[in-house]
Protein backbone atom coordinates (compact mmCIF):
# COMPACT_ATOMS: atom_id res chain seq x y z
CA MET A 1 45.08 15.26 41.77
CA ASP A 2 43.48 15.45 45.25
CA SER A 3 41.87 18.84 44.60
CA LYS A 4 40.67 17.53 41.27
CA HIS A 5 38.90 14.61 42.92
CA ILE A 6 37.42 16.77 45.70
CA PHE A 7 36.08 19.39 43.31
CA GLY A 8 34.71 16.72 40.99
CA GLY A 9 33.03 14.99 43.92
CA VAL A 10 31.34 18.19 45.10
CA VAL A 11 30.04 19.05 41.64
CA SER A 12 28.95 15.47 41.01
CA ALA A 13 27.11 15.32 44.33
CA PHE A 14 25.32 18.60 43.55
CA LEU A 15 24.29 17.47 40.08
CA PHE A 16 23.28 14.07 41.37
CA GLY A 17 21.11 15.63 44.07
CA PHE A 18 19.41 17.80 41.48
CA VAL A 19 18.69 14.77 39.28
CA VAL A 20 17.21 12.81 42.19
CA LEU A 21 15.05 15.75 43.28
CA TYR A 22 13.81 16.34 39.74
CA SER A 23 13.09 12.67 39.17
CA SER A 24 11.28 12.24 42.49
CA ARG A 25 8.79 14.98 41.61
CA ARG A 26 7.91 13.25 38.36
CA ARG A 27 7.74 9.73 39.74
CA GLU A 28 4.24 8.32 39.88
CA LYS A 29 3.14 5.93 42.55
CA ILE A 30 2.66 2.44 41.25
CA LYS A 31 0.27 0.23 43.11
CA ALA A 32 1.39 -3.34 43.58
CA SER A 33 -0.87 -5.78 41.85
CA GLU A 34 -1.91 -8.86 43.73
CA LYS A 35 -0.46 -12.11 42.52
CA THR A 36 -2.92 -14.66 41.32
CA ARG A 37 -2.26 -18.30 40.91
CA THR A 38 -3.74 -20.52 38.30
CA LYS A 39 -3.94 -24.23 38.75
CA LYS A 40 -3.05 -26.39 35.80
CA LYS A 41 -4.56 -29.82 35.30
CA LEU A 42 -2.48 -32.56 33.77
CA LYS A 43 -3.86 -34.86 31.09
CA SER A 44 -2.69 -38.42 30.68
CA SER A 45 -0.69 -39.06 27.52
CA GLY A 46 -1.81 -42.66 27.34
CA ASN A 47 1.79 -43.91 27.46
CA GLY A 48 1.50 -45.12 31.03
CA VAL A 49 3.06 -43.77 34.20
CA CYS A 50 5.78 -45.35 36.29
CA ARG A 51 7.25 -44.27 39.59
CA SER A 52 10.94 -43.68 40.07
CA ASN A 53 12.81 -46.02 42.39
CA PHE A 54 13.38 -43.17 44.86
CA ALA A 55 9.88 -41.73 44.71
CA GLY A 56 8.60 -42.59 48.16
CA ASN A 57 11.54 -42.00 50.51
CA THR A 58 13.33 -38.95 49.17
CA ASP A 59 13.60 -35.64 50.99
CA VAL A 60 14.87 -33.48 48.12
CA VAL A 61 14.73 -33.91 44.35
CA ILE A 62 16.99 -31.58 42.36
CA VAL A 63 15.90 -31.09 38.77
CA GLY A 64 18.90 -29.94 36.73
CA ALA A 65 22.45 -31.24 37.18
CA GLY A 66 24.39 -28.17 36.11
CA VAL A 67 26.80 -26.28 38.35
CA ALA A 68 24.23 -25.22 40.96
CA GLY A 69 22.23 -28.46 40.86
CA SER A 70 25.20 -30.83 41.12
CA ALA A 71 26.93 -28.72 43.77
CA LEU A 72 23.73 -28.52 45.81
CA ALA A 73 23.20 -32.28 45.67
CA TYR A 74 26.67 -32.85 47.03
CA ALA A 75 26.53 -29.99 49.54
CA LEU A 76 23.26 -31.23 51.06
CA ALA A 77 24.70 -34.70 51.51
CA LYS A 78 28.29 -33.90 52.36
CA LEU A 79 30.61 -30.91 52.54
CA GLY A 80 33.69 -30.22 50.43
CA LEU A 81 34.11 -29.66 46.68
CA GLU A 82 37.76 -28.62 46.70
CA ASP A 83 38.98 -31.50 44.54
CA CYS A 84 36.47 -31.08 41.69
CA LEU A 85 39.13 -29.33 39.60
CA ASP A 86 41.79 -31.98 40.17
CA GLY A 87 42.88 -33.68 36.97
CA SER A 88 41.07 -31.17 34.73
CA ASP A 89 44.20 -29.18 33.75
CA SER A 90 42.63 -26.05 35.24
CA GLN A 91 44.74 -22.90 35.25
CA THR A 92 45.36 -20.40 38.03
CA VAL A 93 44.66 -16.77 37.10
CA PHE A 94 46.41 -14.11 39.18
CA SER A 95 45.53 -10.95 37.26
CA PHE A 96 43.64 -9.35 34.38
CA ALA A 97 44.96 -7.10 31.64
CA ALA A 98 42.36 -4.46 30.79
CA VAL A 99 42.95 -3.34 27.18
CA HIS A 100 41.46 -0.01 26.08
CA LYS A 101 40.69 1.11 22.53
CA ASP A 102 43.67 3.47 22.27
CA GLY A 103 46.05 0.64 23.14
CA LYS A 104 46.44 1.54 26.82
CA ARG A 105 46.62 -1.34 29.26
CA SER A 106 46.10 -1.69 32.96
CA ALA A 107 47.09 -4.75 34.99
CA ILE A 108 44.53 -5.60 37.67
CA SER A 109 45.35 -8.23 40.29
CA TYR A 110 43.11 -10.06 42.71
CA PRO A 111 43.26 -8.49 46.19
CA SER A 112 44.79 -10.17 49.25
CA ASN A 113 46.91 -12.59 47.20
CA ALA A 114 43.77 -14.35 45.98
CA SER A 115 43.54 -16.04 42.58
CA GLY A 116 40.95 -17.35 40.15
CA ARG A 117 40.70 -20.60 38.22
CA GLY A 118 40.06 -21.12 34.53
CA PHE A 119 38.80 -24.51 33.34
CA HIS A 120 36.68 -26.41 30.85
CA HIS A 121 33.09 -25.97 31.99
CA GLY A 122 32.03 -29.44 30.85
CA ARG A 123 34.83 -31.17 32.75
CA PHE A 124 33.96 -29.30 35.93
CA VAL A 125 30.24 -30.06 35.70
CA GLN A 126 30.94 -33.74 35.01
CA LYS A 127 33.19 -33.92 38.06
CA LEU A 128 30.47 -32.29 40.17
CA ARG A 129 27.95 -34.88 38.99
CA GLU A 130 30.35 -37.71 39.73
CA LYS A 131 30.97 -36.35 43.22
CA ALA A 132 27.26 -36.08 43.92
CA ALA A 133 26.45 -39.53 42.50
CA SER A 134 29.24 -41.13 44.54
CA LEU A 135 27.37 -40.55 47.79
CA PRO A 136 25.08 -43.32 49.06
CA ASN A 137 22.15 -40.99 49.74
CA VAL A 138 22.23 -39.34 46.28
CA GLU A 139 20.80 -41.00 43.18
CA LEU A 140 21.34 -39.57 39.69
CA GLU A 141 18.74 -40.13 36.97
CA GLN A 142 18.76 -38.64 33.47
CA GLY A 143 15.52 -37.25 32.10
CA THR A 144 13.46 -34.18 31.27
CA VAL A 145 10.83 -32.86 33.65
CA THR A 146 7.88 -31.78 31.54
CA SER A 147 5.35 -30.65 34.14
CA LEU A 148 4.51 -30.43 37.84
CA VAL A 149 1.53 -31.82 39.71
CA GLU A 150 -0.13 -29.43 42.15
CA GLU A 151 -2.42 -30.55 44.94
CA ASN A 152 -4.07 -28.18 47.41
CA GLY A 153 -1.64 -25.39 46.53
CA SER A 154 1.46 -27.54 47.01
CA ILE A 155 3.71 -29.21 44.45
CA LYS A 156 3.54 -32.97 44.98
CA GLU A 157 4.94 -34.66 41.88
CA ALA A 158 6.86 -34.07 38.67
CA ILE A 159 6.20 -35.74 35.34
CA SER A 160 9.48 -36.71 33.69
CA ALA A 161 10.29 -38.24 30.32
CA VAL A 162 13.28 -40.38 31.25
CA GLN A 163 15.70 -41.08 28.43
CA ARG A 164 16.85 -44.70 28.53
CA LEU A 165 19.56 -46.02 26.25
CA LYS A 166 18.27 -47.98 23.23
CA SER A 167 14.66 -47.76 24.35
CA HIS A 168 11.71 -45.48 23.94
CA PRO A 169 11.27 -42.67 26.50
CA THR A 170 8.97 -43.55 29.38
CA LEU A 171 7.06 -41.34 31.78
CA SER A 172 8.15 -41.22 35.37
CA VAL A 173 6.43 -39.55 38.32
CA TRP A 174 8.63 -38.42 41.20
CA SER A 175 7.11 -37.81 44.63
CA TRP A 176 8.96 -35.83 47.28
CA LYS A 177 8.54 -33.29 50.02
CA ILE A 178 10.44 -30.41 48.44
CA ILE A 179 11.85 -29.98 44.96
CA ILE A 180 14.73 -27.71 43.94
CA PHE A 181 13.58 -26.88 40.43
CA HIS A 182 15.46 -25.32 37.49
CA MET A 183 12.97 -23.60 35.22
CA GLN A 184 12.18 -20.16 33.87
CA ILE A 185 8.92 -18.59 35.01
CA VAL A 186 9.51 -14.88 34.31
CA PRO A 187 10.43 -13.01 31.10
CA ILE A 188 14.13 -12.55 30.44
CA GLU A 189 16.09 -9.87 28.59
CA VAL A 190 18.65 -10.79 25.93
CA PRO A 191 20.71 -7.65 25.14
CA SER A 192 23.45 -9.50 23.27
CA TYR A 193 25.05 -12.83 22.45
CA SER A 194 28.39 -14.26 23.50
CA VAL A 195 30.45 -15.91 20.77
CA GLY A 196 32.93 -18.44 22.09
CA LEU A 197 36.15 -19.71 20.56
CA VAL A 198 39.06 -21.78 21.88
CA LEU A 199 42.46 -20.27 21.04
CA GLU A 200 45.59 -22.41 20.64
CA ASP A 201 49.22 -21.89 19.55
CA TYR A 202 49.60 -18.54 21.27
CA ASN A 203 52.61 -16.86 22.87
CA LEU A 204 51.66 -14.75 25.87
CA PRO A 205 54.09 -12.27 27.44
CA TYR A 206 52.67 -13.06 30.89
CA ALA A 207 51.47 -16.40 32.18
CA ASN A 208 48.39 -16.87 34.37
CA ARG A 209 46.74 -13.70 33.11
CA ALA A 210 43.28 -13.11 31.65
CA TYR A 211 42.21 -10.29 29.34
CA PHE A 212 39.41 -7.75 29.37
CA ILE A 213 39.19 -6.15 25.91
CA LEU A 214 37.20 -2.95 26.43
CA LYS A 215 37.19 -1.42 22.97
CA ASP A 216 34.42 -1.00 20.40
CA THR A 217 33.84 -4.69 21.05
CA ILE A 218 33.79 -6.24 24.52
CA ALA A 219 35.67 -9.51 24.87
CA ILE A 220 37.18 -11.58 27.64
CA ALA A 221 39.91 -14.20 27.24
CA TYR A 222 41.18 -16.54 29.94
CA PRO A 223 43.16 -19.81 30.07
CA ILE A 224 41.11 -23.00 30.46
CA SER A 225 43.99 -25.48 30.12
CA SER A 226 47.76 -25.44 29.72
CA LYS A 227 47.36 -25.13 25.93
CA GLU A 228 44.00 -23.39 25.43
CA ILE A 229 42.42 -19.99 25.99
CA ARG A 230 38.68 -19.42 25.98
CA CYS A 231 37.67 -16.19 24.23
CA LEU A 232 34.14 -14.81 24.63
CA VAL A 233 33.12 -11.95 22.34
CA ASP A 234 30.04 -9.85 23.03
CA VAL A 235 27.90 -9.40 19.90
CA PRO A 236 25.08 -6.87 20.45
CA GLY A 237 21.64 -7.24 18.96
CA PRO A 238 18.65 -9.57 19.15
CA GLN A 239 20.23 -12.11 16.78
CA PRO A 240 23.91 -12.86 16.08
CA PRO A 241 25.31 -13.26 12.54
CA SER A 242 24.73 -16.71 11.08
CA ILE A 243 27.48 -19.28 11.55
CA SER A 244 26.30 -21.59 8.76
CA THR A 245 26.36 -18.88 6.07
CA GLY A 246 29.81 -17.59 7.06
CA GLU A 247 28.50 -14.23 8.30
CA MET A 248 29.82 -14.87 11.80
CA ALA A 249 33.33 -15.74 10.59
CA SER A 250 33.38 -12.60 8.45
CA TYR A 251 32.19 -10.47 11.37
CA LEU A 252 34.83 -11.86 13.71
CA LYS A 253 37.64 -11.32 11.20
CA THR A 254 36.69 -7.83 10.06
CA VAL A 255 35.24 -6.29 13.23
CA VAL A 256 36.64 -8.17 16.22
CA ALA A 257 40.08 -9.44 15.14
CA PRO A 258 41.59 -5.93 14.64
CA GLN A 259 40.72 -5.14 18.27
CA MET A 260 42.40 -8.20 19.76
CA PRO A 261 45.77 -7.78 21.54
CA PRO A 262 48.72 -8.57 19.22
CA GLU A 263 49.68 -11.67 21.23
CA LEU A 264 46.21 -13.16 20.65
CA HIS A 265 45.52 -11.97 17.10
CA ASN A 266 46.98 -14.88 15.11
CA ALA A 267 45.51 -17.49 17.45
CA PHE A 268 42.13 -15.75 17.16
CA ILE A 269 42.22 -15.91 13.34
CA CYS A 270 43.24 -19.59 13.43
CA ALA A 271 40.35 -20.39 15.78
CA ILE A 272 37.91 -18.75 13.35
CA ASP A 273 39.33 -20.74 10.42
CA LYS A 274 38.89 -24.00 12.35
CA GLY A 275 35.18 -23.20 12.50
CA ASN A 276 34.49 -24.34 16.05
CA ILE A 277 32.39 -21.28 16.91
CA ARG A 278 29.71 -21.40 19.60
CA THR A 279 27.07 -18.82 20.47
CA MET A 280 24.90 -18.36 23.53
CA PRO A 281 22.42 -15.65 24.51
CA ASN A 282 23.36 -13.33 27.36
CA ARG A 283 20.26 -13.56 29.51
CA ILE A 284 19.41 -11.06 32.23
CA MET A 285 16.69 -11.92 34.74
CA PRO A 286 16.37 -10.29 38.18
CA ALA A 287 15.49 -12.65 41.00
CA SER A 288 11.81 -12.64 41.96
CA SER A 289 10.25 -14.40 44.91
CA TYR A 290 7.58 -16.94 43.96
CA PRO A 291 7.01 -18.89 47.18
CA THR A 292 5.34 -22.18 46.31
CA PRO A 293 5.07 -24.98 48.86
CA GLY A 294 6.97 -28.02 47.65
CA ALA A 295 9.03 -26.17 45.02
CA PHE A 296 12.06 -23.93 45.06
CA LEU A 297 14.10 -22.05 42.45
CA ILE A 298 17.89 -21.85 42.33
CA GLY A 299 20.60 -21.31 39.72
CA ASP A 300 19.71 -19.77 36.36
CA SER A 301 16.02 -20.50 36.96
CA LEU A 302 16.11 -17.92 39.76
CA ASN A 303 18.51 -15.24 38.60
CA MET A 304 20.69 -14.49 35.56
CA ARG A 305 23.11 -11.70 34.76
CA HIS A 306 25.25 -10.71 31.77
CA SER A 307 28.20 -13.03 31.24
CA VAL A 308 30.74 -10.24 30.66
CA THR A 309 32.12 -10.62 34.20
CA GLY A 310 31.65 -14.38 34.49
CA GLY A 311 29.73 -13.98 37.74
CA GLY A 312 27.07 -16.63 37.18
CA MET A 313 28.97 -19.49 38.81
CA THR A 314 30.01 -17.25 41.71
CA VAL A 315 26.40 -16.37 42.50
CA GLY A 316 25.19 -19.93 41.92
CA LEU A 317 27.69 -21.53 44.30
CA SER A 318 27.09 -18.79 46.87
CA ASP A 319 23.37 -19.61 46.72
CA VAL A 320 24.17 -23.30 47.17
CA VAL A 321 26.08 -22.64 50.40
CA LEU A 322 23.31 -20.40 51.72
CA LEU A 323 20.53 -22.88 50.92
CA ARG A 324 22.53 -25.73 52.45
CA ASP A 325 22.90 -23.76 55.68
CA LEU A 326 19.17 -22.97 55.75
CA LEU A 327 18.18 -26.61 55.22
CA ARG A 328 20.74 -28.02 57.64
CA PRO A 329 18.62 -27.56 60.83
CA LEU A 330 15.65 -29.35 59.24
CA ASN A 331 15.16 -33.08 59.68
CA ASP A 332 11.54 -33.17 58.52
CA LEU A 333 10.34 -31.57 55.28
CA SER A 334 6.82 -33.00 55.32
CA ASN A 335 5.13 -29.69 56.17
CA ALA A 336 5.63 -27.99 52.80
CA ALA A 337 3.83 -24.78 53.79
CA SER A 338 5.97 -24.12 56.88
CA VAL A 339 9.19 -25.00 55.04
CA CYS A 340 8.20 -22.64 52.21
CA LYS A 341 7.55 -19.85 54.70
CA TYR A 342 10.93 -20.43 56.32
CA LEU A 343 12.80 -20.44 52.99
CA GLU A 344 11.47 -16.98 52.14
CA SER A 345 14.54 -15.77 54.02
CA PHE A 346 16.73 -17.19 51.24
CA CYS A 347 15.85 -14.43 48.76
CA VAL A 348 16.62 -11.75 51.34
CA LEU A 349 19.87 -13.26 52.59
CA ARG A 350 21.24 -13.81 49.07
CA LYS A 351 20.39 -10.32 47.86
CA PRO A 352 23.57 -8.37 48.83
CA THR A 353 25.93 -10.81 47.10
CA ALA A 354 23.76 -11.27 44.03
CA PHE A 355 23.10 -7.54 43.73
CA ALA A 356 26.77 -6.56 43.74
CA ILE A 357 27.76 -9.07 41.05
CA ASN A 358 24.63 -8.57 38.93
CA THR A 359 24.90 -4.78 38.99
CA LEU A 360 28.58 -4.74 38.14
CA ALA A 361 27.98 -7.02 35.15
CA SER A 362 25.05 -4.97 33.82
CA THR A 363 26.82 -1.66 34.38
CA LEU A 364 30.04 -2.76 32.70
CA HIS A 365 28.19 -4.08 29.66
CA THR A 366 25.92 -1.04 29.35
CA VAL A 367 28.81 1.42 29.54
CA PHE A 368 31.16 -0.27 27.07
CA SER A 369 28.55 -1.48 24.60
CA SER A 370 27.31 2.06 23.98
CA SER A 371 28.36 4.22 21.05
CA ASP A 372 31.08 6.87 21.33
CA GLN A 373 28.88 9.34 19.45
CA ASP A 374 27.55 10.53 22.81
CA PRO A 375 30.38 12.55 24.45
CA ALA A 376 29.07 11.71 27.92
CA ARG A 377 29.24 7.96 27.32
CA LYS A 378 32.70 8.33 25.80
CA GLU A 379 33.87 10.19 28.90
CA MET A 380 32.33 7.48 31.07
CA LYS A 381 34.37 4.79 29.30
CA GLU A 382 37.55 6.83 29.72
CA ALA A 383 36.78 7.41 33.39
CA PHE A 384 36.19 3.71 34.04
CA PHE A 385 39.49 2.69 32.50
CA ASN A 386 41.44 5.51 34.17
CA TYR A 387 39.82 4.64 37.49
CA LEU A 388 41.11 1.07 37.17
CA SER A 389 44.54 2.44 36.32
CA LEU A 390 44.71 4.26 39.66
CA GLY A 391 45.41 0.92 41.35
CA GLY A 392 45.35 0.52 45.11
CA VAL A 393 41.95 0.55 46.79
CA PHE A 394 40.29 1.59 43.53
CA SER A 395 41.18 -1.43 41.39
CA ASP A 396 41.31 -3.78 44.41
CA GLY A 397 37.79 -2.78 45.39
CA LEU A 398 36.39 -3.47 41.94
CA MET A 399 38.23 -6.79 41.67
CA ALA A 400 36.91 -7.82 45.10
CA LEU A 401 33.39 -7.11 43.83
CA LEU A 402 34.00 -8.77 40.48
CA SER A 403 35.35 -11.98 42.02
CA GLY A 404 32.82 -12.18 44.85
CA LEU A 405 35.50 -11.78 47.53
CA ASN A 406 33.74 -8.71 48.91
CA PRO A 407 30.29 -8.45 47.28
CA ASP A 408 29.19 -5.52 49.41
CA PRO A 409 26.44 -3.34 47.87
CA LEU A 410 27.73 -0.26 49.70
CA SER A 411 31.20 -0.85 48.29
CA LEU A 412 29.75 -1.10 44.78
CA PHE A 413 27.70 2.04 45.32
CA PHE A 414 30.82 3.88 46.50
CA HIS A 415 32.94 2.83 43.52
CA CYS A 416 30.22 3.65 40.99
CA PHE A 417 29.84 7.21 42.21
CA ALA A 418 33.56 7.61 42.84
CA MET A 419 34.05 6.86 39.13
CA LEU A 420 31.32 9.35 38.31
CA ALA A 421 33.02 11.98 40.46
CA TYR A 422 36.35 11.18 38.83
CA ALA A 423 34.82 11.65 35.37
CA VAL A 424 33.18 14.96 36.32
CA GLY A 425 36.40 16.22 37.88
CA SER A 426 38.36 15.30 34.77
CA LEU A 427 35.92 17.30 32.66
CA LEU A 428 35.66 20.42 34.80
CA LEU A 429 39.32 20.85 35.67
CA PRO A 430 41.41 22.85 35.10
CA PHE A 431 38.68 25.19 33.84
CA PRO A 432 34.92 24.42 33.71
CA THR A 433 33.85 25.74 30.31
CA PRO A 434 30.12 25.80 29.48
CA LYS A 435 30.57 22.92 27.04
CA ARG A 436 32.32 20.80 29.65
CA MET A 437 29.65 21.61 32.22
CA CYS A 438 26.95 20.44 29.81
CA ILE A 439 28.82 17.19 29.17
CA ALA A 440 29.29 16.73 32.93
CA ALA A 441 25.57 17.20 33.55
CA ARG A 442 24.79 14.78 30.75
CA LEU A 443 27.30 12.31 32.21
CA VAL A 444 25.56 12.38 35.61
CA LEU A 445 22.17 11.87 33.93
CA VAL A 446 23.46 8.94 31.87
CA GLY A 447 25.23 7.38 34.86
CA SER A 448 22.14 7.68 37.03
CA GLY A 449 20.04 6.27 34.20
CA ILE A 450 22.23 3.18 34.18
CA ILE A 451 22.50 2.56 37.91
CA PHE A 452 19.02 3.34 39.24
CA PRO A 453 16.98 1.06 36.94
CA ILE A 454 19.27 -1.79 37.99
CA LEU A 455 18.80 -0.82 41.63
CA LYS A 456 15.04 -0.79 41.19
CA ALA A 457 15.00 -4.18 39.47
CA GLU A 458 17.15 -5.79 42.16
CA GLY A 459 15.21 -4.24 45.05
CA ILE A 460 16.61 -1.33 47.05
CA ARG A 461 15.09 -2.29 50.39
CA ALA A 462 16.19 -5.93 50.34
CA THR A 463 19.66 -4.96 49.11
CA PHE A 464 20.60 -2.12 51.44
CA PHE A 465 18.20 -2.67 54.34
CA PRO A 466 17.65 -6.44 54.58
CA ALA A 467 17.01 -6.24 58.33
CA THR A 468 13.79 -4.33 57.60
CA MET A 469 12.37 -7.28 55.64
CA PRO A 470 10.12 -9.62 57.66
CA ALA A 471 11.55 -12.67 55.87
CA TYR A 472 15.00 -11.80 57.25
CA TYR A 473 13.90 -13.11 60.65
CA ARG A 474 12.39 -16.41 59.55
CA THR A 475 13.26 -19.26 61.92
CA PRO A 476 13.22 -23.01 61.19
CA PRO A 477 9.77 -24.55 61.63
CA ALA A 478 9.09 -26.86 64.54
CA GLN A 479 10.53 -30.27 63.74
CA SER A 480 9.29 -33.73 64.52
CA THR A 481 11.26 -35.72 67.06
CA ASP A 482 11.30 -38.68 64.69
CA HIS A 483 14.49 -38.39 62.66
CA ARG A 484 14.29 -40.13 59.35
CA GLU A 485 17.27 -42.29 58.56
CA ALA A 486 17.35 -41.10 54.95
CA GLY A 487 17.92 -37.53 56.04
CA LYS A 488 20.84 -38.29 58.34
């Protein structure tokens, strides 16, 4: 086995070097276009404008009370979110069962005796909101921000249609010194949809275990309560089958159900018959820096990745901790331009963690959503599963990346090309026939074609060489000696 890996690594490295050399000669230099800003003027709707109660004395307004927004509100005011899962019947997950199309299974545990938690998303978000609203210096208001007011290149106000119970919506203008804003300002890619069902009345051979179904259909199943399992099925294409016409139920029963593990099959069919089927688009959007004084992006408004690995909440909460630490030294946010300049370091400091989780999600989905008609892609799927089955540092390393315990870009880079070397070695040994050599070359080309576009989109320099970025060395702006009581 050792000689097989060594030989495969040598051949893979040679082929990879050839691909890089060939590609570099064909690559054209692309000149960076200068960013232009357009100012938008707001027109009065004639319905009147009112100011929120906290308009004049608020340091930070967070628009969006999802996971990142609620956690950030609480983190900026007070530390500690450990009890947000208490009373929600959340379940501890110790391992995953990876199920391959030929029926093979591989048990993958979290490294270093770590564990995950499965829970109802709505219950968790509601608990986060309650925690944030319980603090005296946090005020929660329900509404929809419809537009921003810009003045001299800085965001000063937000127009919000506030929904009030049993009354007509009113307009509210919020004034602040910096706004953490959840919105989408760049195009997003939707390669597939996730179809969600809640499974009940199941009998699992192992408790506290989640499932990765890596067959012709990609699916993940994990416990969210003591009696329920959430199952997410990846449905490729720009539009999923219709739920209202019954096309979705038929698709799930005829295409997906035969690929489910036997212990989940009956519960899966029952969940389809109950009809509580939800769909959501799998959005992919690399993080881009749009420094704007008075405004800041975080959560899904900043960066999105495929949901196949469930890494969105991991990245979002990691960003919350980082932003909290960056804002902690500041007691005066009145100079929006200097604060904006300082917060440019956020995008650089978050890059390694976000890159590792984003890349793993995109790579896993791209590999297993492809057709087996291409022998190279088929070999890549086999190599991925067999690599996980090796256990030890191989599966532990991938699980550490997947869970965010060790989101190191170099570790991800190592495992990706170790899997590629493993696949090439499996093809060329014991005897490298011409056909196998062609498949191996094709495999390297396909693998490089998956990894390098993701690398380019995420930013190679900021990911692997963050210390070379000027924003990496941003220091807090000079602060006023007058400490505002509201910020204490």
